[in-house]
PDB file of N, CA and C in Angstrom:
ATOM      1  N   MET A   1      -4.147  -7.680   7.943  1.00  0.00           N
ATOM      2  CA  MET A   1      -3.614  -8.169   9.395  1.00  0.00           C
ATOM      3  C   MET A   1      -2.385  -9.236   8.499  1.00  0.00           C
ATOM      4  N   ILE A   2      -1.158  -8.775   9.207  1.00  0.00           N
ATOM      5  CA  ILE A   2      -0.154  -9.931   8.899  1.00  0.00           C
ATOM      6  C   ILE A   2       0.280 -10.722  10.166  1.00  0.00           C
ATOM      7  N   VAL A   3       1.071 -11.830  10.109  1.00  0.00           N
ATOM      8  CA  VAL A   3       1.081 -12.846  11.283  1.00  0.00           C
ATOM      9  C   VAL A   3       2.822 -12.560  10.798  1.00  0.00           C
ATOM     10  N   GLU A   4       3.352 -12.716  11.708  1.00  0.00           N
ATOM     11  CA  GLU A   4       5.308 -12.884  11.761  1.00  0.00           C
ATOM     12  C   GLU A   4       5.111 -14.189  12.577  1.00  0.00           C
ATOM     13  N   VAL A   5       5.639 -15.323  11.999  1.00  0.00           N
ATOM     14  CA  VAL A   5       5.656 -16.457  12.184  1.00  0.00           C
ATOM     15  C   VAL A   5       6.905 -16.708  13.359  1.00  0.00           C
ATOM     16  N   LYS A   6       8.235 -16.061  13.471  1.00  0.00           N
ATOM     17  CA  LYS A   6       9.152 -15.945  13.957  1.00  0.00           C
ATOM     18  C   LYS A   6       9.007 -15.416  15.336  1.00  0.00           C
ATOM     19  N   SER A   7       8.198 -14.361  15.531  1.00  0.00           N
ATOM     20  CA  SER A   7       7.867 -14.070  16.874  1.00  0.00           C
ATOM     21  C   SER A   7       6.459 -14.034  17.226  1.00  0.00           C
ATOM     22  N   ASN A   8       6.215 -15.176  16.702  1.00  0.00           N
ATOM     23  CA  ASN A   8       4.547 -15.220  16.978  1.00  0.00           C
ATOM     24  C   ASN A   8       3.613 -14.402  17.204  1.00  0.00           C
ATOM     25  N   SER A   9       3.678 -13.343  16.272  1.00  0.00           N
ATOM     26  CA  SER A   9       3.060 -12.024  16.654  1.00  0.00           C
ATOM     27  C   SER A   9       1.833 -11.368  15.430  1.00  0.00           C
ATOM     28  N   VAL A  10       0.876 -10.784  15.823  1.00  0.00           N
ATOM     29  CA  VAL A  10       0.015 -10.566  14.636  1.00  0.00           C
ATOM     30  C   VAL A  10       0.187  -9.198  14.459  1.00  0.00           C
ATOM     31  N   MET A  11       0.182  -8.466  13.510  1.00  0.00           N
ATOM     32  CA  MET A  11       0.148  -6.827  13.095  1.00  0.00           C
ATOM     33  C   MET A  11      -0.773  -6.591  12.382  1.00  0.00           C
ATOM     34  N   PHE A  12      -1.712  -5.529  12.815  1.00  0.00           N
ATOM     35  CA  PHE A  12      -2.818  -5.230  12.284  1.00  0.00           C
ATOM     36  C   PHE A  12      -3.204  -3.763  12.614  1.00  0.00           C
ATOM     37  N   LEU A  13      -2.885  -2.837  11.451  1.00  0.00           N
ATOM     38  CA  LEU A  13      -3.207  -1.401  11.251  1.00  0.00           C
ATOM     39  C   LEU A  13      -3.695  -1.398  10.072  1.00  0.00           C
ATOM     40  N   PRO A  14      -4.920  -0.440   9.993  1.00  0.00           N
ATOM     41  CA  PRO A  14      -5.813  -0.072   8.673  1.00  0.00           C
ATOM     42  C   PRO A  14      -5.115   0.683   7.786  1.00  0.00           C
ATOM     43  N   LEU A  15      -5.129   0.353   6.711  1.00  0.00           N
ATOM     44  CA  LEU A  15      -4.220   1.311   5.670  1.00  0.00           C
ATOM     45  C   LEU A  15      -4.968   2.924   5.666  1.00  0.00           C
ATOM     46  N   ASP A  16      -6.410   2.463   5.628  1.00  0.00           N
ATOM     47  CA  ASP A  16      -7.340   4.233   5.534  1.00  0.00           C
ATOM     48  C   ASP A  16      -6.823   4.885   4.200  1.00  0.00           C
ATOM     49  N   ASP A  17      -6.929   5.844   3.819  1.00  0.00           N
ATOM     50  CA  ASP A  17      -6.692   6.371   2.945  1.00  0.00           C
ATOM     51  C   ASP A  17      -4.709   7.289   2.762  1.00  0.00           C
ATOM     52  N   ARG A  18      -4.019   6.759   3.693  1.00  0.00           N
ATOM     53  CA  ARG A  18      -2.667   6.964   3.762  1.00  0.00           C
ATOM     54  C   ARG A  18      -1.974   6.959   2.214  1.00  0.00           C
ATOM     55  N   ILE A  19      -1.770   6.150   1.444  1.00  0.00           N
ATOM     56  CA  ILE A  19      -1.656   6.399   0.132  1.00  0.00           C
ATOM     57  C   ILE A  19      -2.445   7.055  -1.132  1.00  0.00           C
ATOM     58  N   LEU A  20      -3.874   6.963  -1.036  1.00  0.00           N
ATOM     59  CA  LEU A  20      -4.850   7.883  -1.591  1.00  0.00           C
ATOM     60  C   LEU A  20      -4.712   8.874  -1.596  1.00  0.00           C
ATOM     61  N   LYS A  21      -4.360   9.651  -0.522  1.00  0.00           N
ATOM     62  CA  LYS A  21      -4.347  10.903  -0.071  1.00  0.00           C
ATOM     63  C   LYS A  21      -3.242  11.864  -1.050  1.00  0.00           C
ATOM     64  N   GLN A  22      -2.157  11.149  -0.764  1.00  0.00           N
ATOM     65  CA  GLN A  22      -0.930  11.548  -1.722  1.00  0.00           C
ATOM     66  C   GLN A  22      -0.860  11.484  -3.060  1.00  0.00           C
ATOM     67  N   LEU A  23      -1.909  10.961  -3.475  1.00  0.00           N
ATOM     68  CA  LEU A  23      -1.836  10.494  -5.170  1.00  0.00           C
ATOM     69  C   LEU A  23      -2.806  11.490  -5.889  1.00  0.00           C
ATOM     70  N   PRO A  24      -2.992  11.827  -7.132  1.00  0.00           N
ATOM     71  CA  PRO A  24      -3.651  12.894  -7.672  1.00  0.00           C
ATOM     72  C   PRO A  24      -5.238  12.179  -7.499  1.00  0.00           C
ATOM     73  N   SER A  25      -6.025  12.938  -7.776  1.00  0.00           N
ATOM     74  CA  SER A  25      -7.615  12.551  -7.567  1.00  0.00           C
ATOM     75  C   SER A  25      -8.230  11.686  -9.027  1.00  0.00           C
ATOM     76  N   CYS A  26      -7.840  10.607  -9.096  1.00  0.00           N
ATOM     77  CA  CYS A  26      -7.952   9.963 -10.363  1.00  0.00           C
ATOM     78  C   CYS A  26      -8.794   8.352  -9.960  1.00  0.00           C
ATOM     79  N   ASP A  27      -9.483   8.510  -8.657  1.00  0.00           N
ATOM     80  CA  ASP A  27     -10.555   7.079  -8.261  1.00  0.00           C
ATOM     81  C   ASP A  27      -9.317   5.971  -8.440  1.00  0.00           C
ATOM     82  N   TYR A  28      -8.268   6.147  -7.915  1.00  0.00           N
ATOM     83  CA  TYR A  28      -7.593   5.021  -7.969  1.00  0.00           C
ATOM     84  C   TYR A  28      -7.727   3.996  -7.106  1.00  0.00           C
ATOM     85  N   PHE A  29      -7.218   2.482  -7.280  1.00  0.00           N
ATOM     86  CA  PHE A  29      -7.725   1.779  -6.146  1.00  0.00           C
ATOM     87  C   PHE A  29      -6.405   1.111  -5.825  1.00  0.00           C
ATOM     88  N   GLU A  30      -6.313   0.133  -4.413  1.00  0.00           N
ATOM     89  CA  GLU A  30      -5.152  -0.358  -3.972  1.00  0.00           C
ATOM     90  C   GLU A  30      -5.397  -1.710  -4.061  1.00  0.00           C
ATOM     91  N   GLU A  31      -4.343  -2.802  -4.652  1.00  0.00           N
ATOM     92  CA  GLU A  31      -4.247  -4.024  -4.163  1.00  0.00           C
ATOM     93  C   GLU A  31      -2.820  -4.351  -3.589  1.00  0.00           C
ATOM     94  N   PHE A  32      -2.932  -5.475  -2.390  1.00  0.00           N
ATOM     95  CA  PHE A  32      -1.994  -5.852  -1.582  1.00  0.00           C
ATOM     96  C   PHE A  32      -1.300  -7.054  -2.272  1.00  0.00           C
ATOM     97  N   ILE A  33       0.042  -6.809  -2.621  1.00  0.00           N
ATOM     98  CA  ILE A  33       0.918  -7.715  -3.201  1.00  0.00           C
ATOM     99  C   ILE A  33       1.824  -8.725  -2.387  1.00  0.00           C
ATOM    100  N   GLY A  34       2.300  -8.157  -0.957  1.00  0.00           N
ATOM    101  CA  GLY A  34       2.755  -9.319  -0.504  1.00  0.00           C
ATOM    102  C   GLY A  34       3.439  -8.416   0.627  1.00  0.00           C
ATOM    103  N   VAL A  35       4.402  -9.191   1.531  1.00  0.00           N
ATOM    104  CA  VAL A  35       4.925  -8.596   2.616  1.00  0.00           C
ATOM    105  C   VAL A  35       6.326  -8.893   2.457  1.00  0.00           C
ATOM    106  N   THR A  36       7.372  -7.718   2.637  1.00  0.00           N
ATOM    107  CA  THR A  36       8.686  -7.709   2.633  1.00  0.00           C
ATOM    108  C   THR A  36       9.139  -8.526   3.992  1.00  0.00           C
ATOM    109  N   ASN A  37      10.795  -8.619   3.778  1.00  0.00           N
ATOM    110  CA  ASN A  37      10.994  -9.580   4.829  1.00  0.00           C
ATOM    111  C   ASN A  37      11.409  -8.715   6.019  1.00  0.00           C
ATOM    112  N   ALA A  38      11.231  -7.411   5.765  1.00  0.00           N
ATOM    113  CA  ALA A  38      10.845  -6.797   7.213  1.00  0.00           C
ATOM    114  C   ALA A  38       9.770  -6.320   7.699  1.00  0.00           C
ATOM    115  N   GLY A  39       8.406  -7.024   6.903  1.00  0.00           N
ATOM    116  CA  GLY A  39       7.226  -6.845   7.310  1.00  0.00           C
ATOM    117  C   GLY A  39       6.278  -5.979   7.149  1.00  0.00           C
ATOM    118  N   GLU A  40       6.914  -5.021   5.888  1.00  0.00           N
ATOM    119  CA  GLU A  40       6.116  -4.187   5.376  1.00  0.00           C
ATOM    120  C   GLU A  40       5.099  -4.885   4.233  1.00  0.00           C
ATOM    121  N   ALA A  41       3.990  -4.406   4.110  1.00  0.00           N
ATOM    122  CA  ALA A  41       3.167  -4.753   3.317  1.00  0.00           C
ATOM    123  C   ALA A  41       3.517  -3.656   1.920  1.00  0.00           C
ATOM    124  N   ILE A  42       3.181  -4.631   0.861  1.00  0.00           N
ATOM    125  CA  ILE A  42       3.439  -4.059  -0.427  1.00  0.00           C
ATOM    126  C   ILE A  42       1.835  -3.804  -1.017  1.00  0.00           C
ATOM    127  N   ILE A  43       1.739  -2.519  -1.244  1.00  0.00           N
ATOM    128  CA  ILE A  43       0.761  -2.102  -1.984  1.00  0.00           C
ATOM    129  C   ILE A  43       0.704  -1.472  -3.509  1.00  0.00           C
ATOM    130  N   ARG A  44       0.183  -1.956  -4.261  1.00  0.00           N
ATOM    131  CA  ARG A  44      -0.038  -1.528  -5.543  1.00  0.00           C
ATOM    132  C   ARG A  44      -0.699  -0.563  -6.107  1.00  0.00           C
ATOM    133  N   ALA A  45      -0.938   0.698  -6.678  1.00  0.00           N
ATOM    134  CA  ALA A  45      -1.829   1.623  -7.007  1.00  0.00           C
ATOM    135  C   ALA A  45      -1.811   1.656  -8.331  1.00  0.00           C
ATOM    136  N   PRO A  46      -2.545   0.136  -9.184  1.00  0.00           N
ATOM    137  CA  PRO A  46      -2.606   0.541 -10.723  1.00  0.00           C
ATOM    138  C   PRO A  46      -3.140   1.731 -11.315  1.00  0.00           C
ATOM    139  N   LYS A  47      -2.862   1.940 -12.795  1.00  0.00           N
ATOM    140  CA  LYS A  47      -3.598   2.869 -13.450  1.00  0.00           C
ATOM    141  C   LYS A  47      -4.902   2.935 -13.089  1.00  0.00           C
ATOM    142  N   SER A  48      -5.686   4.163 -12.797  1.00  0.00           N
ATOM    143  CA  SER A  48      -7.087   4.056 -12.621  1.00  0.00           C
ATOM    144  C   SER A  48      -7.779   3.704 -14.063  1.00  0.00           C
ATOM    145  N   ALA A  49      -9.022   2.862 -13.359  1.00  0.00           N
ATOM    146  CA  ALA A  49      -9.780   2.200 -14.231  1.00  0.00           C
ATOM    147  C   ALA A  49     -11.069   2.961 -14.819  1.00  0.00           C
ATOM    148  N   TYR A  50     -11.073   4.184 -13.823  1.00  0.00           N
ATOM    149  CA  TYR A  50     -12.179   5.155 -14.236  1.00  0.00           C
ATOM    150  C   TYR A  50     -11.815   6.351 -15.217  1.00  0.00           C
ATOM    151  N   VAL A  51     -10.505   6.747 -15.302  1.00  0.00           N
ATOM    152  CA  VAL A  51     -10.428   7.904 -15.647  1.00  0.00           C
ATOM    153  C   VAL A  51      -9.170   7.453 -16.803  1.00  0.00           C
ATOM    154  N   GLU A  52      -9.689   7.674 -18.346  1.00  0.00           N
ATOM    155  CA  GLU A  52      -8.895   7.780 -19.428  1.00  0.00           C
ATOM    156  C   GLU A  52      -7.624   8.075 -19.490  1.00  0.00           C
ATOM    157  N   ASN A  53      -7.311   9.580 -19.329  1.00  0.00           N
ATOM    158  CA  ASN A  53      -6.053  10.250 -19.858  1.00  0.00           C
ATOM    159  C   ASN A  53      -5.924  10.556 -18.213  1.00  0.00           C
ATOM    160  N   GLY A  54      -4.252  10.579 -18.274  1.00  0.00           N
ATOM    161  CA  GLY A  54      -3.569  11.307 -17.042  1.00  0.00           C
ATOM    162  C   GLY A  54      -3.629  10.554 -15.904  1.00  0.00           C
ATOM    163  N   CYS A  55      -3.974   9.289 -15.571  1.00  0.00           N
ATOM    164  CA  CYS A  55      -3.934   8.844 -14.573  1.00  0.00           C
ATOM    165  C   CYS A  55      -3.309   7.763 -14.462  1.00  0.00           C
ATOM    166  N   HIS A  56      -1.963   7.679 -14.621  1.00  0.00           N
ATOM    167  CA  HIS A  56      -1.069   6.245 -14.656  1.00  0.00           C
ATOM    168  C   HIS A  56      -1.200   5.775 -13.555  1.00  0.00           C
ATOM    169  N   SER A  57      -0.109   4.748 -13.563  1.00  0.00           N
ATOM    170  CA  SER A  57       0.023   3.659 -12.371  1.00  0.00           C
ATOM    171  C   SER A  57       0.961   4.570 -11.265  1.00  0.00           C
ATOM    172  N   GLN A  58       0.429   4.224 -10.548  1.00  0.00           N
ATOM    173  CA  GLN A  58       1.410   5.296  -9.004  1.00  0.00           C
ATOM    174  C   GLN A  58       2.530   4.225  -8.429  1.00  0.00           C
ATOM    175  N   GLY A  59       2.498   2.924  -9.006  1.00  0.00           N
ATOM    176  CA  GLY A  59       3.626   2.169  -8.500  1.00  0.00           C
ATOM    177  C   GLY A  59       3.080   0.969  -7.390  1.00  0.00           C
ATOM    178  N   LYS A  60       4.186   0.824  -6.897  1.00  0.00           N
ATOM    179  CA  LYS A  60       4.231   0.167  -5.481  1.00  0.00           C
ATOM    180  C   LYS A  60       4.670   0.668  -4.194  1.00  0.00           C
ATOM    181  N   TRP A  61       3.863   0.684  -3.342  1.00  0.00           N
ATOM    182  CA  TRP A  61       4.276   1.218  -1.893  1.00  0.00           C
ATOM    183  C   TRP A  61       4.153   0.426  -1.300  1.00  0.00           C
ATOM    184  N   LEU A  62       5.355   0.631  -0.042  1.00  0.00           N
ATOM    185  CA  LEU A  62       5.376   0.309   1.255  1.00  0.00           C
ATOM    186  C   LEU A  62       4.719   0.810   2.906  1.00  0.00           C
ATOM    187  N   PHE A  63       3.852  -0.264   3.246  1.00  0.00           N
ATOM    188  CA  PHE A  63       3.227   0.175   4.034  1.00  0.00           C
ATOM    189  C   PHE A  63       3.667  -0.269   5.397  1.00  0.00           C
ATOM    190  N   ASN A  64       4.376   0.001   6.599  1.00  0.00           N
ATOM    191  CA  ASN A  64       4.753  -0.051   7.717  1.00  0.00           C
ATOM    192  C   ASN A  64       3.514  -0.173   8.577  1.00  0.00           C
ATOM    193  N   LEU A  65       3.294  -1.087   9.511  1.00  0.00           N
ATOM    194  CA  LEU A  65       2.306  -2.048  10.100  1.00  0.00           C
ATOM    195  C   LEU A  65       2.409  -1.607  11.467  1.00  0.00           C
ATOM    196  N   HIS A  66       3.750  -1.237  11.540  1.00  0.00           N
ATOM    197  CA  HIS A  66       4.109  -0.505  12.886  1.00  0.00           C
ATOM    198  C   HIS A  66       3.938   0.633  13.300  1.00  0.00           C
ATOM    199  N   SER A  67       4.278   1.511  12.095  1.00  0.00           N
ATOM    200  CA  SER A  67       4.214   3.185  12.560  1.00  0.00           C
ATOM    201  C   SER A  67       3.324   3.470  11.895  1.00  0.00           C
ATOM    202  N   GLY A  68       2.827   2.758  10.578  1.00  0.00           N
ATOM    203  CA  GLY A  68       1.733   3.068   9.552  1.00  0.00           C
ATOM    204  C   GLY A  68       2.168   4.147   8.595  1.00  0.00           C
ATOM    205  N   ILE A  69       3.509   4.080   8.436  1.00  0.00           N
ATOM    206  CA  ILE A  69       3.960   4.922   7.538  1.00  0.00           C
ATOM    207  C   ILE A  69       4.141   4.319   6.073  1.00  0.00           C
ATOM    208  N   VAL A  70       3.801   5.090   5.427  1.00  0.00           N
ATOM    209  CA  VAL A  70       3.410   4.669   3.628  1.00  0.00           C
ATOM    210  C   VAL A  70       4.988   5.566   2.964  1.00  0.00           C
ATOM    211  N   LYS A  71       5.514   4.553   2.225  1.00  0.00           N
ATOM    212  CA  LYS A  71       6.072   5.466   1.086  1.00  0.00           C
ATOM    213  C   LYS A  71       6.948   4.429  -0.162  1.00  0.00           C
ATOM    214  N   ARG A  72       6.432   5.155  -1.307  1.00  0.00           N
ATOM    215  CA  ARG A  72       6.744   4.831  -2.419  1.00  0.00           C
ATOM    216  C   ARG A  72       7.970   4.048  -2.276  1.00  0.00           C
ATOM    217  N   MET A  73       8.114   3.033  -3.012  1.00  0.00           N
ATOM    218  CA  MET A  73       9.098   1.629  -3.320  1.00  0.00           C
ATOM    219  C   MET A  73       9.796   2.395  -4.343  1.00  0.00           C
ATOM    220  N   LYS A  74      11.223   2.022  -4.189  1.00  0.00           N
ATOM    221  CA  LYS A  74      12.461   2.743  -5.248  1.00  0.00           C
ATOM    222  C   LYS A  74      12.450   1.812  -6.254  1.00  0.00           C
TER     223      LYS A  74
END
């Protein structure tokens, strides 16, 4: 849930597996990092703690709480 102070609105949309289903099956987990000025949640998929080789960090992703779209940050 993200509260936008300027518009006094609340945004709530479950992330579900929108990011994880795009990644190799390495038992990744996601960390919430923060929110952009555009209101997108920044999510990080760090290196898998469960698989030793071949499961590197998948970087940061943007999650649009209005549309549900996720995309890798550049």
